[in-house]
Amino acid sequence: MHKVFEKVREESIKVLPPTIFFFVALHIVSIVRVLISKGGTFQPLDTASILVASLILGKAVLIADMLPGVNMYPTKPLTSNVAWKTLIYLAVAAIIHYLERLYEFTKQAGSIAAGNDKLLAEMVWEHFWAVQIILLVLILMYCTARELVRVIGRDTVIRMFFGPEPLPQFHQP
């Protein structure tokens, strides 16, 4: 029983950073969607729905990280891994965003096929792509920070941000 508890604790700690990140990011997206559709019929997600979506995305990041092709460029410059992981996470986010919209339209239309037809006919694609651009920037920031932490080391980054030890002195050219 102790090993099960330790494994759950370990997984919970691993899922915390991406979950917190996506919790904040999805709130930003929700606010932007409300502002974009001002006067429209869009209802923003509540915090509980965003928390569930954040947990799903946080776990999806951990699962994606275990796939063989995700860490394709560990010895190349960081931009390679950052760009590759950003594309993967953005694709997952786009699918989830589309499915979220499909769910809304399916409720209105009564079936998935009818909901998809209604979605394709009525969706404001400029709004969809605006949200995707915001997600691109947020996911790019997440992947950049994550790769920097991987290279610099978690303890060093924590010490750099929160102290108490003095920062290492870097030589400037």
C-alpha atoms as a PDB file:
ATOM      1  CA  MET A   1       0.000   0.000   0.000  1.00  0.00           C
ATOM      2  CA  HIS A   2       2.894   2.348   0.795  1.00  0.00           C
ATOM      3  CA  LYS A   3       4.334   1.921  -2.734  1.00  0.00           C
ATOM      4  CA  VAL A   4       0.963   2.738  -4.306  1.00  0.00           C
ATOM      5  CA  PHE A   5       0.705   5.902  -2.205  1.00  0.00           C
ATOM      6  CA  GLU A   6       4.266   6.913  -3.187  1.00  0.00           C
ATOM      7  CA  LYS A   7       3.514   6.355  -6.893  1.00  0.00           C
ATOM      8  CA  VAL A   8       0.316   8.445  -6.683  1.00  0.00           C
ATOM      9  CA  ARG A   9       2.251  11.173  -4.845  1.00  0.00           C
ATOM     10  CA  GLU A  10       5.043  11.104  -7.445  1.00  0.00           C
ATOM     11  CA  GLU A  11       2.574  11.318 -10.350  1.00  0.00           C
ATOM     12  CA  SER A  12       0.673  14.126  -8.635  1.00  0.00           C
ATOM     13  CA  ILE A  13       3.855  16.158  -8.252  1.00  0.00           C
ATOM     14  CA  LYS A  14       4.768  15.571 -11.919  1.00  0.00           C
ATOM     15  CA  VAL A  15       1.346  16.637 -13.179  1.00  0.00           C
ATOM     16  CA  LEU A  16       1.237  19.790 -11.036  1.00  0.00           C
ATOM     17  CA  PRO A  17       3.357  22.188 -13.182  1.00  0.00           C
ATOM     18  CA  PRO A  18       1.575  21.555 -16.502  1.00  0.00           C
ATOM     19  CA  THR A  19      -1.801  21.546 -14.746  1.00  0.00           C
ATOM     20  CA  ILE A  20      -1.158  24.923 -13.114  1.00  0.00           C
ATOM     21  CA  PHE A  21       0.143  26.306 -16.397  1.00  0.00           C
ATOM     22  CA  PHE A  22      -2.890  25.124 -18.363  1.00  0.00           C
ATOM     23  CA  PHE A  23      -5.245  26.272 -15.587  1.00  0.00           C
ATOM     24  CA  VAL A  24      -3.956  29.834 -16.017  1.00  0.00           C
ATOM     25  CA  ALA A  25      -3.710  29.533 -19.820  1.00  0.00           C
ATOM     26  CA  LEU A  26      -7.271  28.253 -20.212  1.00  0.00           C
ATOM     27  CA  HIS A  27      -8.582  31.088 -18.055  1.00  0.00           C
ATOM     28  CA  ILE A  28      -6.795  33.530 -20.373  1.00  0.00           C
ATOM     29  CA  VAL A  29      -8.305  31.797 -23.407  1.00  0.00           C
ATOM     30  CA  SER A  30     -11.756  31.846 -21.815  1.00  0.00           C
ATOM     31  CA  ILE A  31     -11.513  35.571 -21.125  1.00  0.00           C
ATOM     32  CA  VAL A  32     -10.326  36.255 -24.676  1.00  0.00           C
ATOM     33  CA  ARG A  33     -13.166  34.158 -26.114  1.00  0.00           C
ATOM     34  CA  VAL A  34     -15.690  36.160 -24.078  1.00  0.00           C
ATOM     35  CA  LEU A  35     -14.174  39.418 -25.290  1.00  0.00           C
ATOM     36  CA  ILE A  36     -14.111  38.200 -28.915  1.00  0.00           C
ATOM     37  CA  SER A  37     -17.728  37.103 -28.848  1.00  0.00           C
ATOM     38  CA  LYS A  38     -19.036  40.125 -26.939  1.00  0.00           C
ATOM     39  CA  GLY A  39     -22.725  40.260 -27.781  1.00  0.00           C
ATOM     40  CA  GLY A  40     -22.649  36.680 -29.085  1.00  0.00           C
ATOM     41  CA  THR A  41     -24.008  33.535 -27.499  1.00  0.00           C
ATOM     42  CA  PHE A  42     -20.737  32.107 -26.162  1.00  0.00           C
ATOM     43  CA  GLN A  43     -20.849  31.177 -22.490  1.00  0.00           C
ATOM     44  CA  PRO A  44     -17.455  31.108 -20.755  1.00  0.00           C
ATOM     45  CA  LEU A  45     -16.338  27.970 -18.988  1.00  0.00           C
ATOM     46  CA  ASP A  46     -16.511  28.015 -15.234  1.00  0.00           C
ATOM     47  CA  THR A  47     -13.431  27.506 -13.080  1.00  0.00           C
ATOM     48  CA  ALA A  48     -14.369  23.889 -12.281  1.00  0.00           C
ATOM     49  CA  SER A  49     -14.570  23.019 -15.996  1.00  0.00           C
ATOM     50  CA  ILE A  50     -11.246  24.738 -16.611  1.00  0.00           C
ATOM     51  CA  LEU A  51      -9.696  22.807 -13.699  1.00  0.00           C
ATOM     52  CA  VAL A  52     -10.866  19.494 -15.188  1.00  0.00           C
ATOM     53  CA  ALA A  53      -9.561  20.475 -18.633  1.00  0.00           C
ATOM     54  CA  SER A  54      -6.249  21.555 -17.044  1.00  0.00           C
ATOM     55  CA  LEU A  55      -5.884  18.212 -15.291  1.00  0.00           C
ATOM     56  CA  ILE A  56      -6.586  16.409 -18.566  1.00  0.00           C
ATOM     57  CA  LEU A  57      -4.055  18.556 -20.456  1.00  0.00           C
ATOM     58  CA  GLY A  58      -1.497  18.212 -17.661  1.00  0.00           C
ATOM     59  CA  LYS A  59      -1.787  14.428 -17.785  1.00  0.00           C
ATOM     60  CA  ALA A  60      -1.747  14.529 -21.608  1.00  0.00           C
ATOM     61  CA  VAL A  61       1.599  16.357 -21.453  1.00  0.00           C
ATOM     62  CA  LEU A  62       3.040  13.647 -19.190  1.00  0.00           C
ATOM     63  CA  ILE A  63       1.708  10.890 -21.443  1.00  0.00           C
ATOM     64  CA  ALA A  64       2.988  12.661 -24.571  1.00  0.00           C
ATOM     65  CA  ASP A  65       6.401  13.006 -22.935  1.00  0.00           C
ATOM     66  CA  MET A  66       6.580   9.212 -22.583  1.00  0.00           C
ATOM     67  CA  LEU A  67       6.041   8.658 -26.327  1.00  0.00           C
ATOM     68  CA  PRO A  68       9.220   7.697 -28.175  1.00  0.00           C
ATOM     69  CA  GLY A  69       9.253  10.567 -30.685  1.00  0.00           C
ATOM     70  CA  VAL A  70       8.604  13.457 -28.328  1.00  0.00           C
ATOM     71  CA  ASN A  71      12.169  14.050 -27.151  1.00  0.00           C
ATOM     72  CA  MET A  72      13.683  13.724 -30.621  1.00  0.00           C
ATOM     73  CA  TYR A  73      16.336  16.418 -30.251  1.00  0.00           C
ATOM     74  CA  PRO A  74      17.839  16.209 -26.737  1.00  0.00           C
ATOM     75  CA  THR A  75      21.388  16.979 -27.919  1.00  0.00           C
ATOM     76  CA  LYS A  76      20.504  19.683 -30.465  1.00  0.00           C
ATOM     77  CA  PRO A  77      20.039  23.347 -29.586  1.00  0.00           C
ATOM     78  CA  LEU A  78      17.012  23.918 -27.348  1.00  0.00           C
ATOM     79  CA  THR A  79      15.053  25.510 -30.186  1.00  0.00           C
ATOM     80  CA  SER A  80      14.689  22.095 -31.843  1.00  0.00           C
ATOM     81  CA  ASN A  81      13.057  20.419 -28.841  1.00  0.00           C
ATOM     82  CA  VAL A  82      11.025  23.534 -28.003  1.00  0.00           C
ATOM     83  CA  ALA A  83       9.658  23.810 -31.554  1.00  0.00           C
ATOM     84  CA  TRP A  84       8.934  20.078 -31.830  1.00  0.00           C
ATOM     85  CA  LYS A  85       7.163  19.826 -28.464  1.00  0.00           C
ATOM     86  CA  THR A  86       5.264  23.054 -29.122  1.00  0.00           C
ATOM     87  CA  LEU A  87       3.913  21.576 -32.371  1.00  0.00           C
ATOM     88  CA  ILE A  88       2.868  18.362 -30.629  1.00  0.00           C
ATOM     89  CA  TYR A  89       1.178  20.110 -27.701  1.00  0.00           C
ATOM     90  CA  LEU A  90      -0.441  22.652 -30.040  1.00  0.00           C
ATOM     91  CA  ALA A  91      -1.899  19.840 -32.152  1.00  0.00           C
ATOM     92  CA  VAL A  92      -3.363  18.248 -29.015  1.00  0.00           C
ATOM     93  CA  ALA A  93      -4.713  21.634 -27.896  1.00  0.00           C
ATOM     94  CA  ALA A  94      -6.284  22.239 -31.330  1.00  0.00           C
ATOM     95  CA  ILE A  95      -8.008  18.857 -31.220  1.00  0.00           C
ATOM     96  CA  ILE A  96      -9.307  19.504 -27.708  1.00  0.00           C
ATOM     97  CA  HIS A  97     -10.438  23.017 -28.714  1.00  0.00           C
ATOM     98  CA  TYR A  98     -12.269  21.607 -31.747  1.00  0.00           C
ATOM     99  CA  LEU A  99     -13.874  18.853 -29.665  1.00  0.00           C
ATOM    100  CA  GLU A 100     -14.986  21.421 -27.094  1.00  0.00           C
ATOM    101  CA  ARG A 101     -16.704  23.421 -29.837  1.00  0.00           C
ATOM    102  CA  LEU A 102     -18.111  20.205 -31.330  1.00  0.00           C
ATOM    103  CA  TYR A 103     -19.633  19.352 -27.950  1.00  0.00           C
ATOM    104  CA  GLU A 104     -21.348  22.763 -27.815  1.00  0.00           C
ATOM    105  CA  PHE A 105     -22.793  22.356 -31.323  1.00  0.00           C
ATOM    106  CA  THR A 106     -23.759  18.712 -30.726  1.00  0.00           C
ATOM    107  CA  LYS A 107     -25.869  19.758 -27.736  1.00  0.00           C
ATOM    108  CA  GLN A 108     -27.716  22.194 -30.010  1.00  0.00           C
ATOM    109  CA  ALA A 109     -28.043  19.855 -33.014  1.00  0.00           C
ATOM    110  CA  GLY A 110     -28.840  16.598 -31.196  1.00  0.00           C
ATOM    111  CA  SER A 111     -26.183  14.324 -32.722  1.00  0.00           C
ATOM    112  CA  ILE A 112     -22.433  14.374 -33.341  1.00  0.00           C
ATOM    113  CA  ALA A 113     -22.787  14.322 -37.151  1.00  0.00           C
ATOM    114  CA  ALA A 114     -25.366  17.119 -37.137  1.00  0.00           C
ATOM    115  CA  GLY A 115     -23.283  19.025 -34.579  1.00  0.00           C
ATOM    116  CA  ASN A 116     -20.196  18.750 -36.754  1.00  0.00           C
ATOM    117  CA  ASP A 117     -22.123  19.975 -39.820  1.00  0.00           C
ATOM    118  CA  LYS A 118     -23.502  22.886 -37.802  1.00  0.00           C
ATOM    119  CA  LEU A 119     -20.034  23.623 -36.403  1.00  0.00           C
ATOM    120  CA  LEU A 120     -18.427  23.710 -39.852  1.00  0.00           C
ATOM    121  CA  ALA A 121     -21.212  25.944 -41.191  1.00  0.00           C
ATOM    122  CA  GLU A 122     -21.536  28.386 -38.296  1.00  0.00           C
ATOM    123  CA  MET A 123     -18.224  28.526 -36.493  1.00  0.00           C
ATOM    124  CA  VAL A 124     -16.364  31.817 -36.724  1.00  0.00           C
ATOM    125  CA  TRP A 125     -13.019  30.452 -37.839  1.00  0.00           C
ATOM    126  CA  GLU A 126     -11.245  33.732 -37.194  1.00  0.00           C
ATOM    127  CA  HIS A 127     -12.114  33.319 -33.510  1.00  0.00           C
ATOM    128  CA  PHE A 128     -10.940  29.704 -33.528  1.00  0.00           C
ATOM    129  CA  TRP A 129      -7.599  30.688 -35.068  1.00  0.00           C
ATOM    130  CA  ALA A 130      -7.237  33.676 -32.727  1.00  0.00           C
ATOM    131  CA  VAL A 131      -7.520  31.306 -29.766  1.00  0.00           C
ATOM    132  CA  GLN A 132      -5.044  28.923 -31.424  1.00  0.00           C
ATOM    133  CA  ILE A 133      -2.535  31.771 -31.816  1.00  0.00           C
ATOM    134  CA  ILE A 134      -2.873  32.600 -28.113  1.00  0.00           C
ATOM    135  CA  LEU A 135      -2.410  28.911 -27.270  1.00  0.00           C
ATOM    136  CA  LEU A 136       0.640  28.776 -29.557  1.00  0.00           C
ATOM    137  CA  VAL A 137       2.310  31.596 -27.636  1.00  0.00           C
ATOM    138  CA  LEU A 138       1.385  30.135 -24.236  1.00  0.00           C
ATOM    139  CA  ILE A 139       2.507  26.623 -25.171  1.00  0.00           C
ATOM    140  CA  LEU A 140       5.728  27.988 -26.682  1.00  0.00           C
ATOM    141  CA  MET A 141       6.424  29.773 -23.373  1.00  0.00           C
ATOM    142  CA  TYR A 142       5.681  26.571 -21.453  1.00  0.00           C
ATOM    143  CA  CYS A 143       7.939  24.427 -23.641  1.00  0.00           C
ATOM    144  CA  THR A 144      10.741  27.006 -23.514  1.00  0.00           C
ATOM    145  CA  ALA A 145      10.614  27.197 -19.728  1.00  0.00           C
ATOM    146  CA  ARG A 146      10.421  23.427 -19.431  1.00  0.00           C
ATOM    147  CA  GLU A 147      13.443  22.841 -21.665  1.00  0.00           C
ATOM    148  CA  LEU A 148      15.446  25.471 -19.799  1.00  0.00           C
ATOM    149  CA  VAL A 149      14.614  23.770 -16.505  1.00  0.00           C
ATOM    150  CA  ARG A 150      15.633  20.416 -18.020  1.00  0.00           C
ATOM    151  CA  VAL A 151      19.040  21.792 -19.065  1.00  0.00           C
ATOM    152  CA  ILE A 152      19.772  24.104 -16.136  1.00  0.00           C
ATOM    153  CA  GLY A 153      18.297  21.805 -13.509  1.00  0.00           C
ATOM    154  CA  ARG A 154      15.204  22.132 -11.348  1.00  0.00           C
ATOM    155  CA  ASP A 155      17.108  22.972  -8.160  1.00  0.00           C
ATOM    156  CA  THR A 156      19.169  25.688  -9.854  1.00  0.00           C
ATOM    157  CA  VAL A 157      16.069  27.286 -11.364  1.00  0.00           C
ATOM    158  CA  ILE A 158      14.268  27.231  -8.008  1.00  0.00           C
ATOM    159  CA  ARG A 159      17.317  28.749  -6.346  1.00  0.00           C
ATOM    160  CA  MET A 160      17.572  31.413  -9.098  1.00  0.00           C
ATOM    161  CA  PHE A 161      13.927  32.424  -8.673  1.00  0.00           C
ATOM    162  CA  PHE A 162      13.380  32.003  -4.956  1.00  0.00           C
ATOM    163  CA  GLY A 163      16.853  32.118  -3.357  1.00  0.00           C
ATOM    164  CA  PRO A 164      18.247  32.078  -0.714  1.00  0.00           C
ATOM    165  CA  GLU A 165      21.663  31.322  -2.173  1.00  0.00           C
ATOM    166  CA  PRO A 166      23.305  33.959  -4.372  1.00  0.00           C
ATOM    167  CA  LEU A 167      22.971  33.503  -8.093  1.00  0.00           C
ATOM    168  CA  PRO A 168      25.953  32.212 -10.043  1.00  0.00           C
ATOM    169  CA  GLN A 169      27.840  34.966 -11.789  1.00  0.00           C
ATOM    170  CA  PHE A 170      27.636  34.727 -15.552  1.00  0.00           C
ATOM    171  CA  HIS A 171      30.269  36.421 -17.651  1.00  0.00           C
ATOM    172  CA  GLN A 172      28.928  38.817 -20.211  1.00  0.00           C
ATOM    173  CA  PRO A 173      30.782  39.172 -23.499  1.00  0.00           C
END
